Amino acid sequence: MTVHTTIDDHGVALVTLDRPERKNAFDGDQWDAAAAALDGARADHRVAAVVITGASGDFSAGVDLSAFGEQKERTDGFSTDYEAFMHSLLAFDKPLLAAVDGAAIGIGATLPLHADVVHVGDALRMRFPFVSLGLVPEGAASVLLERVVGRRRAGELLLAAEWIDAAAAVEHGLATAAHASDALLDATLSRARELAQWPVSALQATKATMLDPQRDGLWAAVQREMTGMTELAMSPENLEAVTAFMEKRDPDFAQFRA
């Protein structure tokens, strides 16, 4: 299993992304397992709040490029494993907390934008890398990032694809608190247990008042981003970016400006 869920006596479910050999990067199985974990926690009357984290010091390095382009046939109406996961993420109606450390790249950076509380560790290396890959944002980041950090900062983070450490994440509002890496998970679980003491019905209703007016717009953003991804994936610039990554060198995008 690439995602593990445990539920404690306080009603907090801990969802752990667990592909440490790939820094918890997402492949088809992990998209489905993460969606199932969220769907299961949403339906489970024992669960009042969820903490999502990554195994072995990393949150997620994004999409596993070694599995990029792989897609099994689906029968649930969704075109991709990623789209099905995003539907589950946007539908999740209980408090969602993220404990984020180490690599948090691509979906590893955009997934926490959907969390109600984000705590980070001091080893954080976060990045919205999409333009550097010749692509557009994913995870509704094209909308959510601006709401979280403001228009100018969002434009800079997306267009510059710069690295973000723990201090910058808190400064920008991407995280509410930073901790030593070895204290991160306990601190986030403690916060989740504070939330979980309240009636689940009130937690869900409060989250609904905040998110219900936004969900249609966020789903539309996901669809626009998917269209952009389809148009740019396998373009010369994208292929150069992927090839450079595999060859451990800097990409040469200047060749396409001649």
C-alpha atoms as a PDB file:
ATOM      1  CA  MET A   1       0.000   0.000   0.000  1.00  0.00           C
ATOM      2  CA  THR A   2       1.253   3.476  -0.865  1.00  0.00           C
ATOM      3  CA  VAL A   3      -1.090   5.276   1.550  1.00  0.00           C
ATOM      4  CA  HIS A   4      -1.724   4.234   5.148  1.00  0.00           C
ATOM      5  CA  THR A   5      -4.493   5.429   7.467  1.00  0.00           C
ATOM      6  CA  THR A   6      -4.688   5.071  11.250  1.00  0.00           C
ATOM      7  CA  ILE A   7      -7.393   6.472  13.529  1.00  0.00           C
ATOM      8  CA  ASP A   8      -6.666   7.401  17.142  1.00  0.00           C
ATOM      9  CA  ASP A   9      -8.979   7.531  20.152  1.00  0.00           C
ATOM     10  CA  HIS A  10      -9.519  11.278  19.665  1.00  0.00           C
ATOM     11  CA  GLY A  11     -11.133  10.837  16.251  1.00  0.00           C
ATOM     12  CA  VAL A  12      -8.096  11.971  14.270  1.00  0.00           C
ATOM     13  CA  ALA A  13      -7.194  10.000  11.155  1.00  0.00           C
ATOM     14  CA  LEU A  14      -3.542  10.103  10.121  1.00  0.00           C
ATOM     15  CA  VAL A  15      -3.143   9.606   6.364  1.00  0.00           C
ATOM     16  CA  THR A  16       0.460   8.899   5.376  1.00  0.00           C
ATOM     17  CA  LEU A  17       1.762   8.987   1.807  1.00  0.00           C
ATOM     18  CA  ASP A  18       4.224   6.111   1.749  1.00  0.00           C
ATOM     19  CA  ARG A  19       6.455   5.747  -1.303  1.00  0.00           C
ATOM     20  CA  PRO A  20       9.708   6.833   0.359  1.00  0.00           C
ATOM     21  CA  GLU A  21      11.866   5.398  -2.433  1.00  0.00           C
ATOM     22  CA  ARG A  22      10.239   8.017  -4.733  1.00  0.00           C
ATOM     23  CA  LYS A  23       9.935  10.735  -2.062  1.00  0.00           C
ATOM     24  CA  ASN A  24       6.211   9.927  -1.968  1.00  0.00           C
ATOM     25  CA  ALA A  25       5.716  11.042  -5.573  1.00  0.00           C
ATOM     26  CA  PHE A  26       2.320  10.145  -7.008  1.00  0.00           C
ATOM     27  CA  ASP A  27       1.715   7.367  -9.494  1.00  0.00           C
ATOM     28  CA  GLY A  28      -1.666   5.936 -10.477  1.00  0.00           C
ATOM     29  CA  ASP A  29      -1.919   3.652  -7.460  1.00  0.00           C
ATOM     30  CA  GLN A  30      -1.116   6.452  -5.025  1.00  0.00           C
ATOM     31  CA  TRP A  31      -3.699   8.801  -6.599  1.00  0.00           C
ATOM     32  CA  ASP A  32      -6.341   6.123  -6.070  1.00  0.00           C
ATOM     33  CA  ALA A  33      -5.160   5.201  -2.583  1.00  0.00           C
ATOM     34  CA  ALA A  34      -5.117   8.842  -1.450  1.00  0.00           C
ATOM     35  CA  ALA A  35      -8.618   9.396  -2.852  1.00  0.00           C
ATOM     36  CA  ALA A  36      -9.853   6.262  -1.085  1.00  0.00           C
ATOM     37  CA  ALA A  37      -8.306   7.442   2.191  1.00  0.00           C
ATOM     38  CA  LEU A  38     -10.101  10.796   1.997  1.00  0.00           C
ATOM     39  CA  ASP A  39     -13.392   9.196   0.944  1.00  0.00           C
ATOM     40  CA  GLY A  40     -13.113   6.678   3.755  1.00  0.00           C
ATOM     41  CA  ALA A  41     -12.364   9.304   6.395  1.00  0.00           C
ATOM     42  CA  ARG A  42     -15.236  11.439   5.162  1.00  0.00           C
ATOM     43  CA  ALA A  43     -17.689   8.555   5.514  1.00  0.00           C
ATOM     44  CA  ASP A  44     -16.324   7.185   8.803  1.00  0.00           C
ATOM     45  CA  HIS A  45     -18.372   8.469  11.757  1.00  0.00           C
ATOM     46  CA  ARG A  46     -15.371   7.905  14.045  1.00  0.00           C
ATOM     47  CA  VAL A  47     -13.286  10.520  12.211  1.00  0.00           C
ATOM     48  CA  ALA A  48     -13.559  14.185  13.184  1.00  0.00           C
ATOM     49  CA  ALA A  49     -10.380  15.470  11.530  1.00  0.00           C
ATOM     50  CA  VAL A  50      -7.638  14.257   9.197  1.00  0.00           C
ATOM     51  CA  VAL A  51      -3.902  14.909   9.208  1.00  0.00           C
ATOM     52  CA  ILE A  52      -2.098  14.146   5.958  1.00  0.00           C
ATOM     53  CA  THR A  53       1.674  13.743   5.908  1.00  0.00           C
ATOM     54  CA  GLY A  54       4.465  11.917   4.105  1.00  0.00           C
ATOM     55  CA  ALA A  55       6.713   9.064   5.186  1.00  0.00           C
ATOM     56  CA  SER A  56      10.463   9.266   5.780  1.00  0.00           C
ATOM     57  CA  GLY A  57      10.862  13.033   5.983  1.00  0.00           C
ATOM     58  CA  ASP A  58       9.280  14.114   2.695  1.00  0.00           C
ATOM     59  CA  PHE A  59       5.707  15.197   2.014  1.00  0.00           C
ATOM     60  CA  SER A  60       5.629  14.537  -1.746  1.00  0.00           C
ATOM     61  CA  ALA A  61       7.975  15.259  -4.640  1.00  0.00           C
ATOM     62  CA  GLY A  62       4.969  15.652  -6.973  1.00  0.00           C
ATOM     63  CA  VAL A  63       4.101  13.417  -9.895  1.00  0.00           C
ATOM     64  CA  ASP A  64       6.402  10.447 -10.403  1.00  0.00           C
ATOM     65  CA  LEU A  65       8.022  11.258 -13.741  1.00  0.00           C
ATOM     66  CA  SER A  66       8.904   7.598 -14.235  1.00  0.00           C
ATOM     67  CA  ALA A  67       5.147   6.924 -14.389  1.00  0.00           C
ATOM     68  CA  PHE A  68       4.285  10.112 -16.276  1.00  0.00           C
ATOM     69  CA  GLY A  69       1.785   9.460 -19.041  1.00  0.00           C
ATOM     70  CA  GLU A  70       0.668   6.102 -17.656  1.00  0.00           C
ATOM     71  CA  GLN A  71      -3.108   5.922 -17.269  1.00  0.00           C
ATOM     72  CA  LYS A  72      -5.299   2.918 -16.638  1.00  0.00           C
ATOM     73  CA  GLU A  73      -8.831   2.773 -18.000  1.00  0.00           C
ATOM     74  CA  ARG A  74     -11.386   4.176 -15.564  1.00  0.00           C
ATOM     75  CA  THR A  75     -15.085   3.353 -15.305  1.00  0.00           C
ATOM     76  CA  ASP A  76     -16.129   6.075 -12.828  1.00  0.00           C
ATOM     77  CA  GLY A  77     -16.515   8.935 -15.302  1.00  0.00           C
ATOM     78  CA  PHE A  78     -13.170  10.573 -14.554  1.00  0.00           C
ATOM     79  CA  SER A  79     -10.621  10.870 -17.326  1.00  0.00           C
ATOM     80  CA  THR A  80      -7.526  10.419 -15.135  1.00  0.00           C
ATOM     81  CA  ASP A  81      -6.482   9.138 -11.716  1.00  0.00           C
ATOM     82  CA  TYR A  82      -5.481  12.695 -10.836  1.00  0.00           C
ATOM     83  CA  GLU A  83      -8.942  14.057 -11.720  1.00  0.00           C
ATOM     84  CA  ALA A  84     -10.605  11.438  -9.505  1.00  0.00           C
ATOM     85  CA  PHE A  85      -8.307  12.355  -6.619  1.00  0.00           C
ATOM     86  CA  MET A  86      -9.039  16.065  -7.014  1.00  0.00           C
ATOM     87  CA  HIS A  87     -12.768  15.332  -6.901  1.00  0.00           C
ATOM     88  CA  SER A  88     -12.301  13.522  -3.570  1.00  0.00           C
ATOM     89  CA  LEU A  89     -10.110  16.319  -2.222  1.00  0.00           C
ATOM     90  CA  LEU A  90     -12.620  19.044  -3.114  1.00  0.00           C
ATOM     91  CA  ALA A  91     -15.474  16.981  -1.670  1.00  0.00           C
ATOM     92  CA  PHE A  92     -13.734  16.406   1.660  1.00  0.00           C
ATOM     93  CA  ASP A  93     -15.863  18.144   4.276  1.00  0.00           C
ATOM     94  CA  LYS A  94     -14.081  17.593   7.599  1.00  0.00           C
ATOM     95  CA  PRO A  95     -11.100  19.543   8.977  1.00  0.00           C
ATOM     96  CA  LEU A  96      -7.990  18.717   6.951  1.00  0.00           C
ATOM     97  CA  LEU A  97      -4.565  19.410   8.383  1.00  0.00           C
ATOM     98  CA  ALA A  98      -1.225  18.916   6.622  1.00  0.00           C
ATOM     99  CA  ALA A  99       2.132  18.187   8.238  1.00  0.00           C
ATOM    100  CA  VAL A 100       4.578  19.096   5.478  1.00  0.00           C
ATOM    101  CA  ASP A 101       8.345  18.657   5.537  1.00  0.00           C
ATOM    102  CA  GLY A 102      11.185  17.873   3.162  1.00  0.00           C
ATOM    103  CA  ALA A 103      10.243  17.754  -0.504  1.00  0.00           C
ATOM    104  CA  ALA A 104       6.872  19.411  -1.179  1.00  0.00           C
ATOM    105  CA  ILE A 105       6.899  19.920  -4.936  1.00  0.00           C
ATOM    106  CA  GLY A 106       4.103  20.090  -7.503  1.00  0.00           C
ATOM    107  CA  ILE A 107       1.092  18.334  -5.986  1.00  0.00           C
ATOM    108  CA  GLY A 108       3.169  18.231  -2.798  1.00  0.00           C
ATOM    109  CA  ALA A 109       2.862  22.028  -2.746  1.00  0.00           C
ATOM    110  CA  THR A 110      -0.662  22.371  -4.125  1.00  0.00           C
ATOM    111  CA  LEU A 111      -2.352  19.733  -1.975  1.00  0.00           C
ATOM    112  CA  PRO A 112      -1.648  21.714   1.254  1.00  0.00           C
ATOM    113  CA  LEU A 113      -3.459  24.712  -0.276  1.00  0.00           C
ATOM    114  CA  HIS A 114      -6.654  22.710   0.323  1.00  0.00           C
ATOM    115  CA  ALA A 115      -5.868  22.099   3.996  1.00  0.00           C
ATOM    116  CA  ASP A 116      -7.519  24.114   6.750  1.00  0.00           C
ATOM    117  CA  VAL A 117      -4.330  24.079   8.828  1.00  0.00           C
ATOM    118  CA  VAL A 118      -0.777  23.623   7.511  1.00  0.00           C
ATOM    119  CA  HIS A 119       2.261  23.079   9.729  1.00  0.00           C
ATOM    120  CA  VAL A 120       5.734  22.720   8.208  1.00  0.00           C
ATOM    121  CA  GLY A 121       9.045  21.298   9.331  1.00  0.00           C
ATOM    122  CA  ASP A 122      12.368  23.098   9.241  1.00  0.00           C
ATOM    123  CA  ALA A 123      13.654  20.850   6.437  1.00  0.00           C
ATOM    124  CA  LEU A 124      10.911  22.063   4.076  1.00  0.00           C
ATOM    125  CA  ARG A 125      11.783  22.445   0.393  1.00  0.00           C
ATOM    126  CA  MET A 126       8.569  23.581  -1.291  1.00  0.00           C
ATOM    127  CA  ARG A 127       8.194  24.575  -4.919  1.00  0.00           C
ATOM    128  CA  PHE A 128       5.517  25.226  -7.521  1.00  0.00           C
ATOM    129  CA  PRO A 129       7.713  24.026 -10.418  1.00  0.00           C
ATOM    130  CA  PHE A 130       5.253  24.047 -13.292  1.00  0.00           C
ATOM    131  CA  VAL A 131       6.709  26.714 -15.598  1.00  0.00           C
ATOM    132  CA  SER A 132      10.157  25.157 -15.163  1.00  0.00           C
ATOM    133  CA  LEU A 133       8.652  21.966 -16.607  1.00  0.00           C
ATOM    134  CA  GLY A 134       6.999  23.790 -19.485  1.00  0.00           C
ATOM    135  CA  LEU A 135       3.580  23.234 -17.901  1.00  0.00           C
ATOM    136  CA  VAL A 136       0.748  25.071 -16.114  1.00  0.00           C
ATOM    137  CA  PRO A 137      -0.237  24.768 -12.428  1.00  0.00           C
ATOM    138  CA  GLU A 138      -2.319  21.889 -11.087  1.00  0.00           C
ATOM    139  CA  GLY A 139      -4.404  21.225  -8.004  1.00  0.00           C
ATOM    140  CA  ALA A 140      -6.423  24.445  -8.498  1.00  0.00           C
ATOM    141  CA  ALA A 141      -3.274  26.362  -7.540  1.00  0.00           C
ATOM    142  CA  SER A 142      -4.040  28.854 -10.312  1.00  0.00           C
ATOM    143  CA  VAL A 143      -6.904  30.046  -8.086  1.00  0.00           C
ATOM    144  CA  LEU A 144      -6.075  28.959  -4.537  1.00  0.00           C
ATOM    145  CA  LEU A 145      -2.536  30.286  -4.333  1.00  0.00           C
ATOM    146  CA  GLU A 146      -3.704  33.839  -4.987  1.00  0.00           C
ATOM    147  CA  ARG A 147      -6.371  33.503  -2.301  1.00  0.00           C
ATOM    148  CA  VAL A 148      -3.790  32.308   0.213  1.00  0.00           C
ATOM    149  CA  VAL A 149      -0.860  34.642  -0.468  1.00  0.00           C
ATOM    150  CA  GLY A 150      -2.266  37.472  -2.627  1.00  0.00           C
ATOM    151  CA  ARG A 151      -2.002  38.282  -6.326  1.00  0.00           C
ATOM    152  CA  ARG A 152       1.548  39.601  -6.504  1.00  0.00           C
ATOM    153  CA  ARG A 153       3.139  36.903  -4.360  1.00  0.00           C
ATOM    154  CA  ALA A 154       1.203  34.157  -6.154  1.00  0.00           C
ATOM    155  CA  GLY A 155       2.386  35.452  -9.516  1.00  0.00           C
ATOM    156  CA  GLU A 156       5.970  35.482  -8.302  1.00  0.00           C
ATOM    157  CA  LEU A 157       5.819  31.990  -6.814  1.00  0.00           C
ATOM    158  CA  LEU A 158       4.221  30.487  -9.920  1.00  0.00           C
ATOM    159  CA  LEU A 159       6.151  32.389 -12.589  1.00  0.00           C
ATOM    160  CA  ALA A 160       9.562  32.221 -10.891  1.00  0.00           C
ATOM    161  CA  ALA A 161       9.166  28.628  -9.640  1.00  0.00           C
ATOM    162  CA  GLU A 162      11.329  29.603  -6.681  1.00  0.00           C
ATOM    163  CA  TRP A 163      12.108  27.405  -3.681  1.00  0.00           C
ATOM    164  CA  ILE A 164      10.306  28.091  -0.411  1.00  0.00           C
ATOM    165  CA  ASP A 165      11.718  27.177   3.003  1.00  0.00           C
ATOM    166  CA  ALA A 166       9.831  26.893   6.292  1.00  0.00           C
ATOM    167  CA  ALA A 167      10.332  30.530   7.293  1.00  0.00           C
ATOM    168  CA  ALA A 168       9.128  31.776   3.906  1.00  0.00           C
ATOM    169  CA  ALA A 169       6.126  29.428   4.002  1.00  0.00           C
ATOM    170  CA  VAL A 170       4.993  30.978   7.280  1.00  0.00           C
ATOM    171  CA  GLU A 171       5.814  34.509   6.097  1.00  0.00           C
ATOM    172  CA  HIS A 172       3.767  34.067   2.910  1.00  0.00           C
ATOM    173  CA  GLY A 173       0.838  32.460   4.747  1.00  0.00           C
ATOM    174  CA  LEU A 174       1.338  29.051   3.140  1.00  0.00           C
ATOM    175  CA  ALA A 175       1.731  27.604   6.640  1.00  0.00           C
ATOM    176  CA  THR A 176       0.385  28.616  10.023  1.00  0.00           C
ATOM    177  CA  ALA A 177       3.337  27.324  12.050  1.00  0.00           C
ATOM    178  CA  ALA A 178       6.835  25.889  11.654  1.00  0.00           C
ATOM    179  CA  HIS A 179       8.425  23.275  13.896  1.00  0.00           C
ATOM    180  CA  ALA A 180      11.609  21.278  14.193  1.00  0.00           C
ATOM    181  CA  SER A 181      11.218  18.330  11.854  1.00  0.00           C
ATOM    182  CA  ASP A 182      11.162  15.805  14.683  1.00  0.00           C
ATOM    183  CA  ALA A 183       8.348  17.710  16.431  1.00  0.00           C
ATOM    184  CA  LEU A 184       6.235  18.462  13.354  1.00  0.00           C
ATOM    185  CA  LEU A 185       3.880  15.483  13.301  1.00  0.00           C
ATOM    186  CA  ASP A 186       3.174  15.529  17.040  1.00  0.00           C
ATOM    187  CA  ALA A 187       2.412  19.260  16.911  1.00  0.00           C
ATOM    188  CA  THR A 188       0.050  18.829  13.969  1.00  0.00           C
ATOM    189  CA  LEU A 189      -1.717  15.870  15.563  1.00  0.00           C
ATOM    190  CA  SER A 190      -2.105  17.869  18.771  1.00  0.00           C
ATOM    191  CA  ARG A 191      -3.763  20.665  16.852  1.00  0.00           C
ATOM    192  CA  ALA A 192      -6.031  18.182  15.083  1.00  0.00           C
ATOM    193  CA  ARG A 193      -7.107  16.718  18.436  1.00  0.00           C
ATOM    194  CA  GLU A 194      -8.023  20.205  19.617  1.00  0.00           C
ATOM    195  CA  LEU A 195     -10.329  20.533  16.612  1.00  0.00           C
ATOM    196  CA  ALA A 196     -11.667  17.003  16.993  1.00  0.00           C
ATOM    197  CA  GLN A 197     -13.089  17.726  20.447  1.00  0.00           C
ATOM    198  CA  TRP A 198     -15.947  19.717  18.876  1.00  0.00           C
ATOM    199  CA  PRO A 199     -19.114  18.270  17.308  1.00  0.00           C
ATOM    200  CA  VAL A 200     -18.354  16.814  13.884  1.00  0.00           C
ATOM    201  CA  SER A 201     -21.617  18.203  12.562  1.00  0.00           C
ATOM    202  CA  ALA A 202     -20.565  21.727  13.515  1.00  0.00           C
ATOM    203  CA  LEU A 203     -17.100  21.259  12.028  1.00  0.00           C
ATOM    204  CA  GLN A 204     -18.586  20.046   8.752  1.00  0.00           C
ATOM    205  CA  ALA A 205     -21.220  22.786   8.642  1.00  0.00           C
ATOM    206  CA  THR A 206     -18.620  25.471   9.337  1.00  0.00           C
ATOM    207  CA  LYS A 207     -16.347  24.157   6.605  1.00  0.00           C
ATOM    208  CA  ALA A 208     -19.314  24.035   4.251  1.00  0.00           C
ATOM    209  CA  THR A 209     -20.073  27.717   4.825  1.00  0.00           C
ATOM    210  CA  MET A 210     -16.514  28.536   3.807  1.00  0.00           C
ATOM    211  CA  LEU A 211     -16.015  26.143   0.907  1.00  0.00           C
ATOM    212  CA  ASP A 212     -19.387  25.427  -0.699  1.00  0.00           C
ATOM    213  CA  PRO A 213     -19.440  28.796  -2.541  1.00  0.00           C
ATOM    214  CA  GLN A 214     -15.955  28.073  -3.894  1.00  0.00           C
ATOM    215  CA  ARG A 215     -16.163  24.425  -4.931  1.00  0.00           C
ATOM    216  CA  ASP A 216     -17.633  24.964  -8.396  1.00  0.00           C
ATOM    217  CA  GLY A 217     -14.971  27.565  -9.161  1.00  0.00           C
ATOM    218  CA  LEU A 218     -12.192  25.316  -7.896  1.00  0.00           C
ATOM    219  CA  TRP A 219     -13.451  22.391  -9.989  1.00  0.00           C
ATOM    220  CA  ALA A 220     -13.573  24.687 -13.027  1.00  0.00           C
ATOM    221  CA  ALA A 221      -9.958  25.681 -12.260  1.00  0.00           C
ATOM    222  CA  VAL A 222      -8.955  22.014 -12.146  1.00  0.00           C
ATOM    223  CA  GLN A 223     -10.538  21.495 -15.561  1.00  0.00           C
ATOM    224  CA  ARG A 224      -8.808  24.572 -17.059  1.00  0.00           C
ATOM    225  CA  GLU A 225      -5.485  23.406 -15.668  1.00  0.00           C
ATOM    226  CA  MET A 226      -5.998  19.909 -17.084  1.00  0.00           C
ATOM    227  CA  THR A 227      -6.676  21.422 -20.504  1.00  0.00           C
ATOM    228  CA  GLY A 228      -3.480  23.460 -20.225  1.00  0.00           C
ATOM    229  CA  MET A 229      -1.534  20.397 -19.139  1.00  0.00           C
ATOM    230  CA  THR A 230      -2.816  18.422 -22.109  1.00  0.00           C
ATOM    231  CA  GLU A 231      -1.874  21.196 -24.516  1.00  0.00           C
ATOM    232  CA  LEU A 232       1.669  21.583 -23.130  1.00  0.00           C
ATOM    233  CA  ALA A 233       2.556  18.001 -22.169  1.00  0.00           C
ATOM    234  CA  MET A 234       5.014  16.479 -24.635  1.00  0.00           C
ATOM    235  CA  SER A 235       5.734  19.909 -26.139  1.00  0.00           C
ATOM    236  CA  PRO A 236       9.408  20.489 -27.042  1.00  0.00           C
ATOM    237  CA  GLU A 237       9.866  22.592 -23.902  1.00  0.00           C
ATOM    238  CA  ASN A 238       8.275  19.976 -21.666  1.00  0.00           C
ATOM    239  CA  LEU A 239      10.339  17.191 -23.204  1.00  0.00           C
ATOM    240  CA  GLU A 240      13.494  19.246 -22.714  1.00  0.00           C
ATOM    241  CA  ALA A 241      12.595  19.836 -19.065  1.00  0.00           C
ATOM    242  CA  VAL A 242      11.941  16.142 -18.408  1.00  0.00           C
ATOM    243  CA  THR A 243      15.054  15.059 -20.295  1.00  0.00           C
ATOM    244  CA  ALA A 244      17.193  17.548 -18.396  1.00  0.00           C
ATOM    245  CA  PHE A 245      15.771  16.293 -15.107  1.00  0.00           C
ATOM    246  CA  MET A 246      16.546  12.691 -16.002  1.00  0.00           C
ATOM    247  CA  GLU A 247      20.053  13.677 -17.144  1.00  0.00           C
ATOM    248  CA  LYS A 248      20.617  15.813 -14.021  1.00  0.00           C
ATOM    249  CA  ARG A 249      21.402  18.980 -15.962  1.00  0.00           C
ATOM    250  CA  ASP A 250      19.902  22.434 -16.415  1.00  0.00           C
ATOM    251  CA  PRO A 251      17.286  22.637 -19.180  1.00  0.00           C
ATOM    252  CA  ASP A 252      18.059  24.731 -22.268  1.00  0.00           C
ATOM    253  CA  PHE A 253      14.886  26.625 -23.120  1.00  0.00           C
ATOM    254  CA  ALA A 254      16.735  29.326 -25.047  1.00  0.00           C
ATOM    255  CA  GLN A 255      16.969  26.975 -28.034  1.00  0.00           C
ATOM    256  CA  PHE A 256      13.211  27.356 -28.563  1.00  0.00           C
ATOM    257  CA  ARG A 257      13.330  31.159 -28.792  1.00  0.00           C
ATOM    258  CA  ALA A 258      15.376  31.353 -31.966  1.00  0.00           C
END
